[in-house]
Amino acid sequence: MAETEQDVGEKLAVRIQNLKENDFIEIELKRQELSYQNLLKVSCCELGINPEQVEKIRKLPNTLLRKDKDIQRLQNFQEVELILTRSGSTELTDHMPSLIEKPCYNSNAAKMTY
């Protein structure tokens, strides 16, 4: 039995924005299921995060996805990134050195005289 166009799904590569981890997972949504809410729900389920933690969805490299029409324009294997709220994940701040760990200025340069 041949698949109809509506049966064929879009495969998307999805990841959480994180400077430590760059790996994507693949998800598949049927063409008739391509909506913002479905993309959010399936992505969060596969990545093991709560949808309330997601602040934005970005099509890489730099386009925010805001509505169903944006999602419906996605093509096979498009790379999508979930941007989490700061309160929802400590992963976003865990990789950043604090000011104590990384000084703001060069102490040797501060001692130089002109």
PDB file of N, CA and C in Angstrom:
ATOM      1  N   MET A   1       0.840  -1.178   0.000  1.00  0.00           N
ATOM      2  CA  MET A   1       0.000   0.000   0.000  1.00  0.00           C
ATOM      3  C   MET A   1       0.883   1.238   0.000  1.00  0.00           C
ATOM      4  N   ALA A   2       0.640   2.171  -0.906  1.00  0.00           N
ATOM      5  CA  ALA A   2       1.458   3.376  -1.031  1.00  0.00           C
ATOM      6  C   ALA A   2       1.070   4.396   0.034  1.00  0.00           C
ATOM      7  N   GLU A   3       2.096   5.114   0.502  1.00  0.00           N
ATOM      8  CA  GLU A   3       1.841   6.154   1.504  1.00  0.00           C
ATOM      9  C   GLU A   3       1.319   7.402   0.816  1.00  0.00           C
ATOM     10  N   THR A   4       0.341   8.048   1.418  1.00  0.00           N
ATOM     11  CA  THR A   4      -0.129   9.318   0.888  1.00  0.00           C
ATOM     12  C   THR A   4       0.766  10.420   1.404  1.00  0.00           C
ATOM     13  N   GLU A   5       0.646  11.599   0.816  1.00  0.00           N
ATOM     14  CA  GLU A   5       1.491  12.720   1.228  1.00  0.00           C
ATOM     15  C   GLU A   5       1.276  13.081   2.694  1.00  0.00           C
ATOM     16  N   GLN A   6       0.020  12.888   3.188  1.00  0.00           N
ATOM     17  CA  GLN A   6      -0.256  13.221   4.577  1.00  0.00           C
ATOM     18  C   GLN A   6       0.339  12.204   5.546  1.00  0.00           C
ATOM     19  N   ASP A   7       0.571  10.964   5.088  1.00  0.00           N
ATOM     20  CA  ASP A   7       1.166   9.944   5.940  1.00  0.00           C
ATOM     21  C   ASP A   7       2.666  10.161   6.128  1.00  0.00           C
ATOM     22  N   VAL A   8       3.292  10.788   5.147  1.00  0.00           N
ATOM     23  CA  VAL A   8       4.736  10.999   5.200  1.00  0.00           C
ATOM     24  C   VAL A   8       5.036  12.064   6.248  1.00  0.00           C
ATOM     25  N   GLY A   9       6.016  11.802   7.081  1.00  0.00           N
ATOM     26  CA  GLY A   9       6.355  12.743   8.134  1.00  0.00           C
ATOM     27  C   GLY A   9       7.581  13.568   7.811  1.00  0.00           C
ATOM     28  N   GLU A  10       7.731  14.647   8.548  1.00  0.00           N
ATOM     29  CA  GLU A  10       8.935  15.467   8.471  1.00  0.00           C
ATOM     30  C   GLU A  10       9.847  15.020   9.601  1.00  0.00           C
ATOM     31  N   LYS A  11      11.088  14.748   9.279  1.00  0.00           N
ATOM     32  CA  LYS A  11      12.074  14.405  10.292  1.00  0.00           C
ATOM     33  C   LYS A  11      12.835  15.670  10.635  1.00  0.00           C
ATOM     34  N   LEU A  12      12.916  15.953  11.918  1.00  0.00           N
ATOM     35  CA  LEU A  12      13.596  17.156  12.395  1.00  0.00           C
ATOM     36  C   LEU A  12      14.691  16.760  13.375  1.00  0.00           C
ATOM     37  N   ALA A  13      15.770  17.509  13.353  1.00  0.00           N
ATOM     38  CA  ALA A  13      16.846  17.326  14.326  1.00  0.00           C
ATOM     39  C   ALA A  13      16.643  18.370  15.418  1.00  0.00           C
ATOM     40  N   VAL A  14      16.498  17.911  16.664  1.00  0.00           N
ATOM     41  CA  VAL A  14      16.160  18.798  17.775  1.00  0.00           C
ATOM     42  C   VAL A  14      17.185  18.637  18.891  1.00  0.00           C
ATOM     43  N   ARG A  15      17.512  19.762  19.530  1.00  0.00           N
ATOM     44  CA  ARG A  15      18.386  19.725  20.702  1.00  0.00           C
ATOM     45  C   ARG A  15      18.009  20.860  21.643  1.00  0.00           C
ATOM     46  N   ILE A  16      18.553  20.785  22.846  1.00  0.00           N
ATOM     47  CA  ILE A  16      18.419  21.865  23.820  1.00  0.00           C
ATOM     48  C   ILE A  16      19.624  22.776  23.646  1.00  0.00           C
ATOM     49  N   GLN A  17      19.396  24.072  23.683  1.00  0.00           N
ATOM     50  CA  GLN A  17      20.517  25.007  23.585  1.00  0.00           C
ATOM     51  C   GLN A  17      21.411  24.798  24.791  1.00  0.00           C
ATOM     52  N   ASN A  18      22.645  24.445  24.526  1.00  0.00           N
ATOM     53  CA  ASN A  18      23.584  24.149  25.602  1.00  0.00           C
ATOM     54  C   ASN A  18      24.980  24.185  25.009  1.00  0.00           C
ATOM     55  N   LEU A  19      25.853  24.971  25.582  1.00  0.00           N
ATOM     56  CA  LEU A  19      27.189  25.086  25.025  1.00  0.00           C
ATOM     57  C   LEU A  19      28.046  23.846  25.262  1.00  0.00           C
ATOM     58  N   LYS A  20      27.690  23.015  26.245  1.00  0.00           N
ATOM     59  CA  LYS A  20      28.462  21.799  26.522  1.00  0.00           C
ATOM     60  C   LYS A  20      28.108  20.679  25.546  1.00  0.00           C
ATOM     61  N   GLU A  21      26.850  20.525  25.239  1.00  0.00           N
ATOM     62  CA  GLU A  21      26.350  19.393  24.458  1.00  0.00           C
ATOM     63  C   GLU A  21      25.783  19.886  23.135  1.00  0.00           C
ATOM     64  N   ASN A  22      26.299  19.362  22.023  1.00  0.00           N
ATOM     65  CA  ASN A  22      25.841  19.804  20.711  1.00  0.00           C
ATOM     66  C   ASN A  22      25.040  18.758  19.958  1.00  0.00           C
ATOM     67  N   ASP A  23      24.773  17.608  20.577  1.00  0.00           N
ATOM     68  CA  ASP A  23      24.102  16.523  19.879  1.00  0.00           C
ATOM     69  C   ASP A  23      22.619  16.818  19.668  1.00  0.00           C
ATOM     70  N   PHE A  24      22.123  16.367  18.515  1.00  0.00           N
ATOM     71  CA  PHE A  24      20.711  16.467  18.170  1.00  0.00           C
ATOM     72  C   PHE A  24      20.072  15.093  18.323  1.00  0.00           C
ATOM     73  N   ILE A  25      18.769  15.077  18.518  1.00  0.00           N
ATOM     74  CA  ILE A  25      17.998  13.847  18.387  1.00  0.00           C
ATOM     75  C   ILE A  25      17.069  14.055  17.198  1.00  0.00           C
ATOM     76  N   GLU A  26      16.646  12.964  16.581  1.00  0.00           N
ATOM     77  CA  GLU A  26      15.703  13.063  15.476  1.00  0.00           C
ATOM     78  C   GLU A  26      14.306  12.755  15.978  1.00  0.00           C
ATOM     79  N   ILE A  27      13.374  13.594  15.544  1.00  0.00           N
ATOM     80  CA  ILE A  27      11.963  13.335  15.827  1.00  0.00           C
ATOM     81  C   ILE A  27      11.227  13.340  14.488  1.00  0.00           C
ATOM     82  N   GLU A  28      10.070  12.739  14.475  1.00  0.00           N
ATOM     83  CA  GLU A  28       9.281  12.711  13.248  1.00  0.00           C
ATOM     84  C   GLU A  28       7.852  13.117  13.565  1.00  0.00           C
ATOM     85  N   LEU A  29       7.341  14.055  12.785  1.00  0.00           N
ATOM     86  CA  LEU A  29       5.957  14.498  12.904  1.00  0.00           C
ATOM     87  C   LEU A  29       5.283  14.315  11.552  1.00  0.00           C
ATOM     88  N   LYS A  30       4.070  13.760  11.550  1.00  0.00           N
ATOM     89  CA  LYS A  30       3.327  13.661  10.295  1.00  0.00           C
ATOM     90  C   LYS A  30       3.005  15.068   9.802  1.00  0.00           C
ATOM     91  N   ARG A  31       2.917  15.188   8.501  1.00  0.00           N
ATOM     92  CA  ARG A  31       2.694  16.506   7.892  1.00  0.00           C
ATOM     93  C   ARG A  31       1.456  17.199   8.470  1.00  0.00           C
ATOM     94  N   GLN A  32       0.372  16.445   8.703  1.00  0.00           N
ATOM     95  CA  GLN A  32      -0.848  17.063   9.247  1.00  0.00           C
ATOM     96  C   GLN A  32      -0.706  17.409  10.728  1.00  0.00           C
ATOM     97  N   GLU A  33       0.362  16.930  11.372  1.00  0.00           N
ATOM     98  CA  GLU A  33       0.598  17.223  12.791  1.00  0.00           C
ATOM     99  C   GLU A  33       1.617  18.335  12.989  1.00  0.00           C
ATOM    100  N   LEU A  34       2.075  18.951  11.918  1.00  0.00           N
ATOM    101  CA  LEU A  34       3.085  20.005  12.037  1.00  0.00           C
ATOM    102  C   LEU A  34       2.451  21.271  12.605  1.00  0.00           C
ATOM    103  N   SER A  35       2.604  21.450  13.900  1.00  0.00           N
ATOM    104  CA  SER A  35       2.125  22.661  14.567  1.00  0.00           C
ATOM    105  C   SER A  35       3.123  23.005  15.668  1.00  0.00           C
ATOM    106  N   TYR A  36       3.053  24.231  16.136  1.00  0.00           N
ATOM    107  CA  TYR A  36       3.952  24.680  17.193  1.00  0.00           C
ATOM    108  C   TYR A  36       3.785  23.800  18.437  1.00  0.00           C
ATOM    109  N   GLN A  37       2.536  23.579  18.843  1.00  0.00           N
ATOM    110  CA  GLN A  37       2.271  22.813  20.067  1.00  0.00           C
ATOM    111  C   GLN A  37       2.734  21.364  19.936  1.00  0.00           C
ATOM    112  N   ASN A  38       2.506  20.746  18.783  1.00  0.00           N
ATOM    113  CA  ASN A  38       2.953  19.361  18.602  1.00  0.00           C
ATOM    114  C   ASN A  38       4.473  19.259  18.586  1.00  0.00           C
ATOM    115  N   LEU A  39       5.132  20.203  17.917  1.00  0.00           N
ATOM    116  CA  LEU A  39       6.594  20.199  17.913  1.00  0.00           C
ATOM    117  C   LEU A  39       7.126  20.354  19.330  1.00  0.00           C
ATOM    118  N   LEU A  40       6.545  21.262  20.088  1.00  0.00           N
ATOM    119  CA  LEU A  40       6.957  21.485  21.474  1.00  0.00           C
ATOM    120  C   LEU A  40       6.719  20.230  22.316  1.00  0.00           C
ATOM    121  N   LYS A  41       5.534  19.636  22.188  1.00  0.00           N
ATOM    122  CA  LYS A  41       5.173  18.466  22.992  1.00  0.00           C
ATOM    123  C   LYS A  41       6.085  17.277  22.689  1.00  0.00           C
ATOM    124  N   VAL A  42       6.266  16.954  21.419  1.00  0.00           N
ATOM    125  CA  VAL A  42       7.073  15.793  21.034  1.00  0.00           C
ATOM    126  C   VAL A  42       8.546  16.025  21.393  1.00  0.00           C
ATOM    127  N   SER A  43       9.060  17.218  21.127  1.00  0.00           N
ATOM    128  CA  SER A  43      10.461  17.519  21.435  1.00  0.00           C
ATOM    129  C   SER A  43      10.733  17.400  22.930  1.00  0.00           C
ATOM    130  N   CYS A  44       9.854  17.980  23.738  1.00  0.00           N
ATOM    131  CA  CYS A  44      10.036  17.935  25.192  1.00  0.00           C
ATOM    132  C   CYS A  44       9.945  16.509  25.711  1.00  0.00           C
ATOM    133  N   CYS A  45       9.021  15.735  25.175  1.00  0.00           N
ATOM    134  CA  CYS A  45       8.881  14.341  25.590  1.00  0.00           C
ATOM    135  C   CYS A  45      10.154  13.568  25.273  1.00  0.00           C
ATOM    136  N   GLU A  46      10.681  13.725  24.071  1.00  0.00           N
ATOM    137  CA  GLU A  46      11.881  13.002  23.648  1.00  0.00           C
ATOM    138  C   GLU A  46      13.127  13.448  24.419  1.00  0.00           C
ATOM    139  N   LEU A  47      13.191  14.727  24.762  1.00  0.00           N
ATOM    140  CA  LEU A  47      14.364  15.265  25.458  1.00  0.00           C
ATOM    141  C   LEU A  47      14.234  15.180  26.978  1.00  0.00           C
ATOM    142  N   GLY A  48      13.060  14.801  27.473  1.00  0.00           N
ATOM    143  CA  GLY A  48      12.867  14.639  28.903  1.00  0.00           C
ATOM    144  C   GLY A  48      12.803  15.947  29.670  1.00  0.00           C
ATOM    145  N   ILE A  49      12.202  16.957  29.058  1.00  0.00           N
ATOM    146  CA  ILE A  49      12.039  18.245  29.742  1.00  0.00           C
ATOM    147  C   ILE A  49      10.568  18.629  29.760  1.00  0.00           C
ATOM    148  N   ASN A  50      10.239  19.571  30.617  1.00  0.00           N
ATOM    149  CA  ASN A  50       8.881  20.063  30.772  1.00  0.00           C
ATOM    150  C   ASN A  50       8.652  21.192  29.758  1.00  0.00           C
ATOM    151  N   PRO A  51       7.538  21.184  29.011  1.00  0.00           N
ATOM    152  CA  PRO A  51       7.284  22.261  28.044  1.00  0.00           C
ATOM    153  C   PRO A  51       7.295  23.669  28.654  1.00  0.00           C
ATOM    154  N   GLU A  52       6.971  23.781  29.953  1.00  0.00           N
ATOM    155  CA  GLU A  52       6.998  25.105  30.598  1.00  0.00           C
ATOM    156  C   GLU A  52       8.414  25.656  30.722  1.00  0.00           C
ATOM    157  N   GLN A  53       9.417  24.781  30.581  1.00  0.00           N
ATOM    158  CA  GLN A  53      10.807  25.225  30.655  1.00  0.00           C
ATOM    159  C   GLN A  53      11.280  25.895  29.373  1.00  0.00           C
ATOM    160  N   VAL A  54      10.541  25.705  28.279  1.00  0.00           N
ATOM    161  CA  VAL A  54      10.967  26.220  26.977  1.00  0.00           C
ATOM    162  C   VAL A  54      10.517  27.662  26.812  1.00  0.00           C
ATOM    163  N   GLU A  55      11.488  28.535  26.618  1.00  0.00           N
ATOM    164  CA  GLU A  55      11.197  29.953  26.396  1.00  0.00           C
ATOM    165  C   GLU A  55      10.941  30.232  24.914  1.00  0.00           C
ATOM    166  N   LYS A  56      11.773  29.638  24.030  1.00  0.00           N
ATOM    167  CA  LYS A  56      11.670  29.881  22.589  1.00  0.00           C
ATOM    168  C   LYS A  56      12.080  28.627  21.835  1.00  0.00           C
ATOM    169  N   ILE A  57      11.637  28.563  20.575  1.00  0.00           N
ATOM    170  CA  ILE A  57      12.099  27.525  19.658  1.00  0.00           C
ATOM    171  C   ILE A  57      12.779  28.241  18.503  1.00  0.00           C
ATOM    172  N   ARG A  58      13.990  27.805  18.199  1.00  0.00           N
ATOM    173  CA  ARG A  58      14.791  28.458  17.156  1.00  0.00           C
ATOM    174  C   ARG A  58      15.113  27.462  16.046  1.00  0.00           C
ATOM    175  N   LYS A  59      14.885  27.890  14.801  1.00  0.00           N
ATOM    176  CA  LYS A  59      15.389  27.142  13.648  1.00  0.00           C
ATOM    177  C   LYS A  59      16.799  27.645  13.421  1.00  0.00           C
ATOM    178  N   LEU A  60      17.745  26.731  13.434  1.00  0.00           N
ATOM    179  CA  LEU A  60      19.139  27.150  13.309  1.00  0.00           C
ATOM    180  C   LEU A  60      19.428  27.619  11.899  1.00  0.00           C
ATOM    181  N   PRO A  61      20.245  28.666  11.738  1.00  0.00           N
ATOM    182  CA  PRO A  61      21.110  29.227  12.761  1.00  0.00           C
ATOM    183  C   PRO A  61      20.485  30.342  13.602  1.00  0.00           C
ATOM    184  N   ASN A  62      19.452  31.048  13.106  1.00  0.00           N
ATOM    185  CA  ASN A  62      19.061  32.235  13.853  1.00  0.00           C
ATOM    186  C   ASN A  62      17.624  32.706  13.620  1.00  0.00           C
ATOM    187  N   THR A  63      16.682  31.798  13.444  1.00  0.00           N
ATOM    188  CA  THR A  63      15.305  32.204  13.175  1.00  0.00           C
ATOM    189  C   THR A  63      14.381  31.670  14.257  1.00  0.00           C
ATOM    190  N   LEU A  64      13.672  32.566  14.942  1.00  0.00           N
ATOM    191  CA  LEU A  64      12.708  32.140  15.956  1.00  0.00           C
ATOM    192  C   LEU A  64      11.453  31.606  15.286  1.00  0.00           C
ATOM    193  N   LEU A  65      10.947  30.496  15.791  1.00  0.00           N
ATOM    194  CA  LEU A  65       9.694  29.923  15.322  1.00  0.00           C
ATOM    195  C   LEU A  65       8.617  30.339  16.304  1.00  0.00           C
ATOM    196  N   ARG A  66       7.543  30.979  15.791  1.00  0.00           N
ATOM    197  CA  ARG A  66       6.545  31.543  16.691  1.00  0.00           C
ATOM    198  C   ARG A  66       5.138  31.032  16.478  1.00  0.00           C
ATOM    199  N   LYS A  67       4.866  30.453  15.315  1.00  0.00           N
ATOM    200  CA  LYS A  67       3.484  30.061  15.029  1.00  0.00           C
ATOM    201  C   LYS A  67       3.462  28.834  14.124  1.00  0.00           C
ATOM    202  N   ASP A  68       2.278  28.283  13.931  1.00  0.00           N
ATOM    203  CA  ASP A  68       2.121  27.058  13.146  1.00  0.00           C
ATOM    204  C   ASP A  68       2.665  27.197  11.729  1.00  0.00           C
ATOM    205  N   LYS A  69       2.456  28.346  11.097  1.00  0.00           N
ATOM    206  CA  LYS A  69       2.950  28.536   9.720  1.00  0.00           C
ATOM    207  C   LYS A  69       4.470  28.435   9.655  1.00  0.00           C
ATOM    208  N   ASP A  70       5.156  28.930  10.686  1.00  0.00           N
ATOM    209  CA  ASP A  70       6.623  28.805  10.741  1.00  0.00           C
ATOM    210  C   ASP A  70       7.015  27.333  10.792  1.00  0.00           C
ATOM    211  N   ILE A  71       6.292  26.548  11.577  1.00  0.00           N
ATOM    212  CA  ILE A  71       6.587  25.125  11.746  1.00  0.00           C
ATOM    213  C   ILE A  71       6.289  24.371  10.452  1.00  0.00           C
ATOM    214  N   GLN A  72       5.220  24.727   9.781  1.00  0.00           N
ATOM    215  CA  GLN A  72       4.834  24.033   8.552  1.00  0.00           C
ATOM    216  C   GLN A  72       5.816  24.254   7.410  1.00  0.00           C
ATOM    217  N   ARG A  73       6.622  25.290   7.490  1.00  0.00           N
ATOM    218  CA  ARG A  73       7.647  25.550   6.458  1.00  0.00           C
ATOM    219  C   ARG A  73       8.936  24.766   6.695  1.00  0.00           C
ATOM    220  N   LEU A  74       9.061  24.099   7.835  1.00  0.00           N
ATOM    221  CA  LEU A  74      10.267  23.330   8.109  1.00  0.00           C
ATOM    222  C   LEU A  74      10.418  22.193   7.104  1.00  0.00           C
ATOM    223  N   GLN A  75      11.647  21.904   6.748  1.00  0.00           N
ATOM    224  CA  GLN A  75      11.929  20.837   5.794  1.00  0.00           C
ATOM    225  C   GLN A  75      12.586  19.669   6.516  1.00  0.00           C
ATOM    226  N   ASN A  76      12.642  18.536   5.839  1.00  0.00           N
ATOM    227  CA  ASN A  76      13.261  17.349   6.408  1.00  0.00           C
ATOM    228  C   ASN A  76      14.662  17.647   6.935  1.00  0.00           C
ATOM    229  N   PHE A  77      14.944  17.120   8.111  1.00  0.00           N
ATOM    230  CA  PHE A  77      16.238  17.222   8.773  1.00  0.00           C
ATOM    231  C   PHE A  77      16.639  18.660   9.110  1.00  0.00           C
ATOM    232  N   GLN A  78      15.659  19.552   9.188  1.00  0.00           N
ATOM    233  CA  GLN A  78      15.918  20.917   9.643  1.00  0.00           C
ATOM    234  C   GLN A  78      16.382  20.848  11.097  1.00  0.00           C
ATOM    235  N   GLU A  79      17.347  21.687  11.458  1.00  0.00           N
ATOM    236  CA  GLU A  79      17.859  21.694  12.830  1.00  0.00           C
ATOM    237  C   GLU A  79      17.108  22.729  13.652  1.00  0.00           C
ATOM    238  N   VAL A  80      16.581  22.265  14.786  1.00  0.00           N
ATOM    239  CA  VAL A  80      15.762  23.098  15.666  1.00  0.00           C
ATOM    240  C   VAL A  80      16.341  23.023  17.068  1.00  0.00           C
ATOM    241  N   GLU A  81      16.321  24.155  17.757  1.00  0.00           N
ATOM    242  CA  GLU A  81      16.904  24.245  19.096  1.00  0.00           C
ATOM    243  C   GLU A  81      15.862  24.789  20.065  1.00  0.00           C
ATOM    244  N   LEU A  82      15.739  24.159  21.229  1.00  0.00           N
ATOM    245  CA  LEU A  82      14.857  24.652  22.280  1.00  0.00           C
ATOM    246  C   LEU A  82      15.674  25.506  23.233  1.00  0.00           C
ATOM    247  N   ILE A  83      15.216  26.720  23.454  1.00  0.00           N
ATOM    248  CA  ILE A  83      15.897  27.635  24.366  1.00  0.00           C
ATOM    249  C   ILE A  83      15.119  27.639  25.666  1.00  0.00           C
ATOM    250  N   LEU A  84      15.775  27.214  26.732  1.00  0.00           N
ATOM    251  CA  LEU A  84      15.109  27.073  28.022  1.00  0.00           C
ATOM    252  C   LEU A  84      15.157  28.368  28.812  1.00  0.00           C
ATOM    253  N   THR A  85      14.160  28.539  29.688  1.00  0.00           N
ATOM    254  CA  THR A  85      14.166  29.679  30.597  1.00  0.00           C
ATOM    255  C   THR A  85      15.263  29.448  31.627  1.00  0.00           C
ATOM    256  N   ARG A  86      15.821  30.481  32.133  1.00  0.00           N
ATOM    257  CA  ARG A  86      16.918  30.363  33.098  1.00  0.00           C
ATOM    258  C   ARG A  86      16.478  29.649  34.366  1.00  0.00           C
ATOM    259  N   SER A  87      15.265  29.913  34.819  1.00  0.00           N
ATOM    260  CA  SER A  87      14.790  29.259  36.042  1.00  0.00           C
ATOM    261  C   SER A  87      14.477  27.791  35.799  1.00  0.00           C
ATOM    262  N   GLY A  88      14.234  27.414  34.546  1.00  0.00           N
ATOM    263  CA  GLY A  88      13.869  26.047  34.237  1.00  0.00           C
ATOM    264  C   GLY A  88      15.041  25.097  34.158  1.00  0.00           C
ATOM    265  N   SER A  89      16.253  25.621  33.969  1.00  0.00           N
ATOM    266  CA  SER A  89      17.395  24.723  33.805  1.00  0.00           C
ATOM    267  C   SER A  89      18.654  25.372  34.334  1.00  0.00           C
ATOM    268  N   THR A  90      19.405  24.620  35.092  1.00  0.00           N
ATOM    269  CA  THR A  90      20.689  25.117  35.545  1.00  0.00           C
ATOM    270  C   THR A  90      21.775  24.773  34.541  1.00  0.00           C
ATOM    271  N   GLU A  91      21.452  23.950  33.539  1.00  0.00           N
ATOM    272  CA  GLU A  91      22.442  23.583  32.527  1.00  0.00           C
ATOM    273  C   GLU A  91      22.992  24.812  31.808  1.00  0.00           C
ATOM    274  N   LEU A  92      22.147  25.819  31.643  1.00  0.00           N
ATOM    275  CA  LEU A  92      22.582  26.996  30.908  1.00  0.00           C
ATOM    276  C   LEU A  92      23.634  27.793  31.665  1.00  0.00           C
ATOM    277  N   THR A  93      23.604  27.732  32.972  1.00  0.00           N
ATOM    278  CA  THR A  93      24.565  28.505  33.753  1.00  0.00           C
ATOM    279  C   THR A  93      25.688  27.656  34.314  1.00  0.00           C
ATOM    280  N   ASP A  94      25.550  26.336  34.314  1.00  0.00           N
ATOM    281  CA  ASP A  94      26.587  25.469  34.871  1.00  0.00           C
ATOM    282  C   ASP A  94      27.916  25.591  34.143  1.00  0.00           C
ATOM    283  N   HIS A  95      27.888  25.841  32.856  1.00  0.00           N
ATOM    284  CA  HIS A  95      29.115  25.873  32.072  1.00  0.00           C
ATOM    285  C   HIS A  95      29.853  27.198  32.194  1.00  0.00           C
ATOM    286  N   MET A  96      29.194  28.233  32.682  1.00  0.00           N
ATOM    287  CA  MET A  96      29.788  29.571  32.724  1.00  0.00           C
ATOM    288  C   MET A  96      30.614  29.747  33.993  1.00  0.00           C
ATOM    289  N   PRO A  97      31.881  30.116  33.851  1.00  0.00           N
ATOM    290  CA  PRO A  97      32.678  30.344  35.054  1.00  0.00           C
ATOM    291  C   PRO A  97      32.200  31.601  35.781  1.00  0.00           C
ATOM    292  N   SER A  98      32.245  31.547  37.086  1.00  0.00           N
ATOM    293  CA  SER A  98      31.858  32.730  37.850  1.00  0.00           C
ATOM    294  C   SER A  98      32.966  33.770  37.754  1.00  0.00           C
ATOM    295  N   LEU A  99      32.689  34.972  38.214  1.00  0.00           N
ATOM    296  CA  LEU A  99      33.698  36.031  38.177  1.00  0.00           C
ATOM    297  C   LEU A  99      34.889  35.704  39.065  1.00  0.00           C
ATOM    298  N   ILE A 100      34.670  34.939  40.115  1.00  0.00           N
ATOM    299  CA  ILE A 100      35.774  34.547  40.990  1.00  0.00           C
ATOM    300  C   ILE A 100      36.701  33.581  40.260  1.00  0.00           C
ATOM    301  N   GLU A 101      36.119  32.662  39.497  1.00  0.00           N
ATOM    302  CA  GLU A 101      36.918  31.688  38.747  1.00  0.00           C
ATOM    303  C   GLU A 101      37.664  32.328  37.585  1.00  0.00           C
ATOM    304  N   LYS A 102      37.059  33.327  36.989  1.00  0.00           N
ATOM    305  CA  LYS A 102      37.656  33.981  35.821  1.00  0.00           C
ATOM    306  C   LYS A 102      37.686  35.486  36.078  1.00  0.00           C
ATOM    307  N   PRO A 103      38.827  36.049  36.428  1.00  0.00           N
ATOM    308  CA  PRO A 103      38.883  37.469  36.772  1.00  0.00           C
ATOM    309  C   PRO A 103      38.464  38.354  35.605  1.00  0.00           C
ATOM    310  N   CYS A 104      37.909  39.498  35.943  1.00  0.00           N
ATOM    311  CA  CYS A 104      37.421  40.431  34.937  1.00  0.00           C
ATOM    312  C   CYS A 104      38.539  41.265  34.319  1.00  0.00           C
ATOM    313  N   TYR A 105      39.652  41.327  34.977  1.00  0.00           N
ATOM    314  CA  TYR A 105      40.732  42.154  34.458  1.00  0.00           C
ATOM    315  C   TYR A 105      42.059  41.426  34.627  1.00  0.00           C
ATOM    316  N   ASN A 106      43.063  41.887  33.935  1.00  0.00           N
ATOM    317  CA  ASN A 106      44.398  41.314  34.020  1.00  0.00           C
ATOM    318  C   ASN A 106      45.116  42.000  35.172  1.00  0.00           C
ATOM    319  N   SER A 107      45.390  41.270  36.269  1.00  0.00           N
ATOM    320  CA  SER A 107      46.004  41.884  37.451  1.00  0.00           C
ATOM    321  C   SER A 107      47.405  42.378  37.141  1.00  0.00           C
ATOM    322  N   ASN A 108      48.145  41.731  36.235  1.00  0.00           N
ATOM    323  CA  ASN A 108      49.489  42.215  35.873  1.00  0.00           C
ATOM    324  C   ASN A 108      49.413  43.553  35.146  1.00  0.00           C
ATOM    325  N   ALA A 109      48.402  43.725  34.305  1.00  0.00           N
ATOM    326  CA  ALA A 109      48.251  44.982  33.590  1.00  0.00           C
ATOM    327  C   ALA A 109      47.884  46.108  34.550  1.00  0.00           C
ATOM    328  N   ALA A 110      47.156  45.800  35.625  1.00  0.00           N
ATOM    329  CA  ALA A 110      46.759  46.819  36.586  1.00  0.00           C
ATOM    330  C   ALA A 110      47.967  47.359  37.364  1.00  0.00           C
ATOM    331  N   LYS A 111      49.047  46.583  37.460  1.00  0.00           N
ATOM    332  CA  LYS A 111      50.228  47.007  38.214  1.00  0.00           C
ATOM    333  C   LYS A 111      51.217  47.802  37.350  1.00  0.00           C
ATOM    334  N   MET A 112      51.001  47.826  36.063  1.00  0.00           N
ATOM    335  CA  MET A 112      51.944  48.511  35.159  1.00  0.00           C
ATOM    336  C   MET A 112      51.863  50.012  35.342  1.00  0.00           C
ATOM    337  N   THR A 113      53.004  50.669  35.214  1.00  0.00           N
ATOM    338  CA  THR A 113      53.029  52.135  35.270  1.00  0.00           C
ATOM    339  C   THR A 113      53.389  52.673  33.907  1.00  0.00           C
ATOM    340  N   TYR A 114      52.918  53.815  33.605  1.00  0.00           N
ATOM    341  CA  TYR A 114      53.176  54.411  32.282  1.00  0.00           C
ATOM    342  C   TYR A 114      54.095  55.574  32.393  1.00  0.00           C
TER     343      TYR A 114
END
